[in-house]
Amino acid sequence: MSLDKILAISGKPGLFEIVTQTRTGAVVQSLIDKKRITVGAHSNISILSEIAIYTIAEEVPLRDVLKKVKVKEKGQPTSVSHKDSKDALEEYFFNVLPDYDEDRVYPSDIKKVIQWYNLLQKNGLLGALETEEEASDEEE
């Protein structure tokens, strides 16, 4: 599965996997509790493959940031929790992405990245990070 099928929905915790699309939206399944819900087209939905993190020079795709976390943690859950202090989260994120833009990347964003990484890791979806890169390499 690719990150194109994983969503974040504003106002709902965690990540969701697209099960099927409907005329008015989509049926999605939570990666936290596996419950299915219907989301309408009016919902504020973000597809993980389209999210990027600001750095001083450019925007880095979320996939690349998650891959850096995966390398740092050797594919295991993160050494910090998304519930840790602001300073601990910023220090951890600085080790992962040293040139991130501290003015535009808020502690709440760092919490989401850590929480999302741990959800993907728990559900065995970190392989999607490698698969997408190999697919894009083959296209070039």
Protein backbone atom coordinates (compact mmCIF):
# COMPACT_ATOMS: atom_id res chain seq x y z
CA MET A 1 0.00 0.00 0.00
CA SER A 2 1.24 3.49 -0.78
CA LEU A 3 0.92 6.75 1.13
CA ASP A 4 -1.61 7.80 -1.55
CA LYS A 5 -4.15 5.63 0.26
CA ILE A 6 -3.41 6.93 3.79
CA LEU A 7 -5.29 10.02 4.99
CA ALA A 8 -5.35 12.44 7.88
CA ILE A 9 -8.80 13.88 8.56
CA SER A 10 -9.12 17.19 10.36
CA GLY A 11 -10.90 16.78 13.70
CA LYS A 12 -10.31 13.03 13.86
CA PRO A 13 -7.34 11.42 15.65
CA GLY A 14 -4.86 9.20 13.87
CA LEU A 15 -4.65 8.09 10.27
CA PHE A 16 -7.14 6.44 7.96
CA GLU A 17 -6.87 4.05 5.03
CA ILE A 18 -9.19 4.48 2.04
CA VAL A 19 -11.39 1.40 1.71
CA THR A 20 -13.52 2.59 -1.20
CA GLN A 21 -14.65 5.80 -2.82
CA THR A 22 -18.32 6.76 -2.99
CA ARG A 23 -20.22 9.35 -5.00
CA THR A 24 -20.15 11.79 -2.09
CA GLY A 25 -16.80 10.99 -0.47
CA ALA A 26 -15.10 7.83 0.77
CA VAL A 27 -15.32 4.98 3.24
CA VAL A 28 -12.17 4.96 5.38
CA GLN A 29 -10.83 2.65 8.08
CA SER A 30 -8.99 3.93 11.14
CA LEU A 31 -5.45 2.62 11.63
CA ILE A 32 -5.98 2.98 15.38
CA ASP A 33 -9.08 0.86 16.02
CA LYS A 34 -9.96 -0.49 12.53
CA LYS A 35 -13.43 1.13 12.67
CA ARG A 36 -14.87 2.23 9.35
CA ILE A 37 -16.49 5.61 8.82
CA THR A 38 -17.83 7.53 5.86
CA VAL A 39 -16.30 10.93 5.15
CA GLY A 40 -17.92 13.42 2.83
CA ALA A 41 -16.28 15.61 0.26
CA HIS A 42 -16.75 18.54 2.66
CA SER A 43 -14.32 17.02 5.20
CA ASN A 44 -10.84 18.50 5.41
CA ILE A 45 -8.76 15.54 4.23
CA SER A 46 -4.99 15.46 3.73
CA ILE A 47 -3.34 12.65 1.77
CA LEU A 48 0.01 11.78 3.35
CA SER A 49 1.81 11.64 0.00
CA GLU A 50 0.92 15.32 -0.59
CA ILE A 51 2.17 16.66 2.77
CA ALA A 52 5.58 18.34 3.05
CA ILE A 53 7.65 19.78 5.91
CA TYR A 54 9.22 23.23 5.62
CA THR A 55 12.99 23.49 5.77
CA ILE A 56 15.17 26.56 5.43
CA ALA A 57 15.82 25.84 1.73
CA GLU A 58 12.79 23.91 0.48
CA GLU A 59 9.83 21.73 1.35
CA VAL A 60 10.70 18.11 2.09
CA PRO A 61 8.01 15.51 1.32
CA LEU A 62 6.60 13.80 4.42
CA ARG A 63 7.66 10.45 2.92
CA ASP A 64 11.32 11.54 3.08
CA VAL A 65 10.97 12.75 6.68
CA LEU A 66 9.32 9.46 7.70
CA LYS A 67 12.14 7.55 5.98
CA LYS A 68 14.70 9.53 8.00
CA VAL A 69 12.83 8.67 11.20
CA LYS A 70 12.75 5.02 10.11
CA VAL A 71 16.53 5.01 9.54
CA LYS A 72 17.17 6.75 12.88
CA GLU A 73 14.95 4.28 14.75
CA LYS A 74 16.00 1.23 12.65
CA GLY A 75 12.34 0.55 11.80
CA GLN A 76 11.26 0.51 15.46
CA PRO A 77 8.84 2.91 17.26
CA THR A 78 10.26 6.34 18.01
CA SER A 79 12.37 6.85 21.13
CA VAL A 80 10.18 9.85 22.04
CA SER A 81 6.43 9.95 22.45
CA HIS A 82 4.18 12.48 20.77
CA LYS A 83 3.18 13.38 24.35
CA ASP A 84 6.72 14.41 25.39
CA SER A 85 7.65 18.01 26.15
CA LYS A 86 7.97 20.62 23.41
CA ASP A 87 11.75 20.80 23.95
CA ALA A 88 12.18 17.02 23.71
CA LEU A 89 10.12 16.89 20.51
CA GLU A 90 12.05 19.76 18.90
CA GLU A 91 15.41 18.21 19.86
CA TYR A 92 14.37 14.86 18.39
CA PHE A 93 13.08 16.46 15.18
CA PHE A 94 16.28 18.50 14.85
CA ASN A 95 18.22 15.22 14.88
CA VAL A 96 15.97 13.83 12.13
CA LEU A 97 15.74 16.97 9.95
CA PRO A 98 18.45 19.45 11.04
CA ASP A 99 17.43 22.26 8.68
CA TYR A 100 13.68 22.28 9.40
CA ASP A 101 12.19 25.77 9.60
CA GLU A 102 11.55 26.36 13.30
CA ASP A 103 9.32 29.36 12.53
CA ARG A 104 6.92 27.43 10.29
CA VAL A 105 7.06 23.91 11.77
CA TYR A 106 5.19 24.01 15.07
CA PRO A 107 5.45 21.52 17.97
CA SER A 108 1.96 20.29 17.02
CA ASP A 109 3.31 19.40 13.55
CA ILE A 110 6.21 17.48 15.08
CA LYS A 111 3.75 15.62 17.34
CA LYS A 112 1.71 14.60 14.27
CA VAL A 113 4.77 13.35 12.36
CA ILE A 114 5.89 11.24 15.35
CA GLN A 115 2.38 9.93 15.96
CA TRP A 116 1.89 9.13 12.26
CA TYR A 117 5.26 7.35 12.03
CA ASN A 118 4.38 5.21 15.06
CA LEU A 119 0.95 4.36 13.60
CA LEU A 120 2.47 3.37 10.25
CA GLN A 121 5.14 1.33 12.06
CA LYS A 122 2.58 -0.42 14.28
CA ASN A 123 0.45 -1.32 11.24
CA GLY A 124 3.41 -2.55 9.18
CA LEU A 125 3.02 0.18 6.56
CA LEU A 126 6.56 1.59 6.63
CA GLY A 127 7.33 -0.56 3.59
CA ALA A 128 5.16 1.88 1.60
CA LEU A 129 7.94 4.45 1.99
CA GLU A 130 10.44 2.24 0.15
CA THR A 131 7.99 1.02 -2.48
CA GLU A 132 7.07 4.52 -3.60
CA GLU A 133 10.71 5.57 -3.99
CA GLU A 134 11.53 2.49 -6.04
CA ALA A 135 8.50 3.16 -8.25
CA SER A 136 9.58 6.76 -8.84
CA ASP A 137 13.15 5.62 -9.60
CA GLU A 138 11.83 3.20 -12.21
CA GLU A 139 9.78 5.96 -13.88
CA GLU A 140 12.88 8.13 -14.27
